[in-house]
Amino acid sequence: MGKPVVKFCKKCSGIKPKDLKGIIDKDSWKEGCVHACVKKKDADPERVFARIDGRLVVCSSKKDLIKKIKEAVA
């Protein structure tokens, strides 16, 4: 099994590439649609998400999500 791949959409997930700087290598993440979008009016501003190895991971804060990403690639 290869190293985990993290995929996130900076527009609707709240994570930006600079948030992952120093946490995971550039070749371990991709930016793009994770197919978990919600309409802006229905969006919960406290919900951030990403896909780790194809599995949707949802957290209540950016800090918690970055911690999960770090654990996955450790």
C-alpha atoms as a PDB file:
ATOM      1  CA  MET A   1       0.000   0.000   0.000  1.00  0.00           C
ATOM      2  CA  GLY A   2       1.357   3.435  -0.946  1.00  0.00           C
ATOM      3  CA  LYS A   3       1.307   6.560   1.086  1.00  0.00           C
ATOM      4  CA  PRO A   4      -2.047   8.184   1.808  1.00  0.00           C
ATOM      5  CA  VAL A   5      -3.416  10.716  -0.639  1.00  0.00           C
ATOM      6  CA  VAL A   6      -5.297  13.700   0.744  1.00  0.00           C
ATOM      7  CA  LYS A   7      -7.727  15.560  -1.493  1.00  0.00           C
ATOM      8  CA  PHE A   8      -9.490  18.769  -0.558  1.00  0.00           C
ATOM      9  CA  CYS A   9     -11.361  21.658  -2.144  1.00  0.00           C
ATOM     10  CA  LYS A  10     -10.170  24.992  -0.808  1.00  0.00           C
ATOM     11  CA  LYS A  11     -13.367  26.702  -1.939  1.00  0.00           C
ATOM     12  CA  CYS A  12     -15.835  24.676   0.084  1.00  0.00           C
ATOM     13  CA  SER A  13     -13.821  22.708   2.639  1.00  0.00           C
ATOM     14  CA  GLY A  14     -11.970  25.525   4.348  1.00  0.00           C
ATOM     15  CA  ILE A  15      -8.505  24.005   3.897  1.00  0.00           C
ATOM     16  CA  LYS A  16      -5.932  25.829   1.781  1.00  0.00           C
ATOM     17  CA  PRO A  17      -2.602  24.545   0.459  1.00  0.00           C
ATOM     18  CA  LYS A  18      -0.716  26.855   2.841  1.00  0.00           C
ATOM     19  CA  ASP A  19      -2.455  25.134   5.781  1.00  0.00           C
ATOM     20  CA  LEU A  20      -0.665  21.890   4.878  1.00  0.00           C
ATOM     21  CA  LYS A  21       2.779  23.426   4.365  1.00  0.00           C
ATOM     22  CA  GLY A  22       5.274  21.591   6.546  1.00  0.00           C
ATOM     23  CA  ILE A  23       2.685  18.956   7.485  1.00  0.00           C
ATOM     24  CA  ILE A  24       2.648  16.741   4.405  1.00  0.00           C
ATOM     25  CA  ASP A  25       4.663  16.591   1.201  1.00  0.00           C
ATOM     26  CA  LYS A  26       3.286  18.267  -1.916  1.00  0.00           C
ATOM     27  CA  ASP A  27       3.094  14.908  -3.697  1.00  0.00           C
ATOM     28  CA  SER A  28       0.779  13.544  -0.959  1.00  0.00           C
ATOM     29  CA  TRP A  29      -2.120  15.938  -1.536  1.00  0.00           C
ATOM     30  CA  LYS A  30      -4.321  17.100  -4.360  1.00  0.00           C
ATOM     31  CA  GLU A  31      -6.632  20.048  -4.639  1.00  0.00           C
ATOM     32  CA  GLY A  32      -9.995  19.566  -6.317  1.00  0.00           C
ATOM     33  CA  CYS A  33     -13.602  18.595  -5.823  1.00  0.00           C
ATOM     34  CA  VAL A  34     -14.227  15.997  -3.120  1.00  0.00           C
ATOM     35  CA  HIS A  35     -17.896  15.598  -4.105  1.00  0.00           C
ATOM     36  CA  ALA A  36     -19.220  16.585  -0.680  1.00  0.00           C
ATOM     37  CA  CYS A  37     -20.289  20.150  -1.436  1.00  0.00           C
ATOM     38  CA  VAL A  38     -23.207  21.887   0.173  1.00  0.00           C
ATOM     39  CA  LYS A  39     -24.947  25.001  -1.021  1.00  0.00           C
ATOM     40  CA  LYS A  40     -23.557  28.187   0.482  1.00  0.00           C
ATOM     41  CA  LYS A  41     -26.805  28.975   2.299  1.00  0.00           C
ATOM     42  CA  ASP A  42     -26.842  25.485   3.848  1.00  0.00           C
ATOM     43  CA  ALA A  43     -23.139  25.391   4.645  1.00  0.00           C
ATOM     44  CA  ASP A  44     -22.056  24.945   8.229  1.00  0.00           C
ATOM     45  CA  PRO A  45     -19.069  27.256   8.692  1.00  0.00           C
ATOM     46  CA  GLU A  46     -17.746  24.995  11.442  1.00  0.00           C
ATOM     47  CA  ARG A  47     -17.559  21.953   9.149  1.00  0.00           C
ATOM     48  CA  VAL A  48     -14.375  21.207   7.228  1.00  0.00           C
ATOM     49  CA  PHE A  49     -13.697  18.110   5.202  1.00  0.00           C
ATOM     50  CA  ALA A  50     -11.227  16.302   2.994  1.00  0.00           C
ATOM     51  CA  ARG A  51     -10.794  12.868   1.485  1.00  0.00           C
ATOM     52  CA  ILE A  52      -8.017  10.716   2.859  1.00  0.00           C
ATOM     53  CA  ASP A  53      -7.412   7.655   0.679  1.00  0.00           C
ATOM     54  CA  GLY A  54     -10.855   8.158  -0.833  1.00  0.00           C
ATOM     55  CA  ARG A  55     -12.635   8.234   2.542  1.00  0.00           C
ATOM     56  CA  LEU A  56     -14.473  11.447   3.448  1.00  0.00           C
ATOM     57  CA  VAL A  57     -13.257  12.838   6.766  1.00  0.00           C
ATOM     58  CA  VAL A  58     -15.383  15.579   8.368  1.00  0.00           C
ATOM     59  CA  CYS A  59     -14.258  17.607  11.366  1.00  0.00           C
ATOM     60  CA  SER A  60     -15.599  20.551  13.318  1.00  0.00           C
ATOM     61  CA  SER A  61     -12.467  22.671  12.897  1.00  0.00           C
ATOM     62  CA  LYS A  62      -9.573  23.156  10.525  1.00  0.00           C
ATOM     63  CA  LYS A  63      -7.175  22.323  13.372  1.00  0.00           C
ATOM     64  CA  ASP A  64      -8.849  18.931  13.965  1.00  0.00           C
ATOM     65  CA  LEU A  65      -8.821  18.089  10.259  1.00  0.00           C
ATOM     66  CA  ILE A  66      -5.147  18.971   9.905  1.00  0.00           C
ATOM     67  CA  LYS A  67      -4.429  16.738  12.925  1.00  0.00           C
ATOM     68  CA  LYS A  68      -6.250  13.823  11.233  1.00  0.00           C
ATOM     69  CA  ILE A  69      -4.358  14.423   7.998  1.00  0.00           C
ATOM     70  CA  LYS A  70      -1.069  14.473   9.877  1.00  0.00           C
ATOM     71  CA  GLU A  71      -1.949  11.181  11.639  1.00  0.00           C
ATOM     72  CA  ALA A  72      -2.868   9.567   8.317  1.00  0.00           C
ATOM     73  CA  VAL A  73       0.431  10.393   6.654  1.00  0.00           C
ATOM     74  CA  ALA A  74       2.641   9.680   9.688  1.00  0.00           C
END
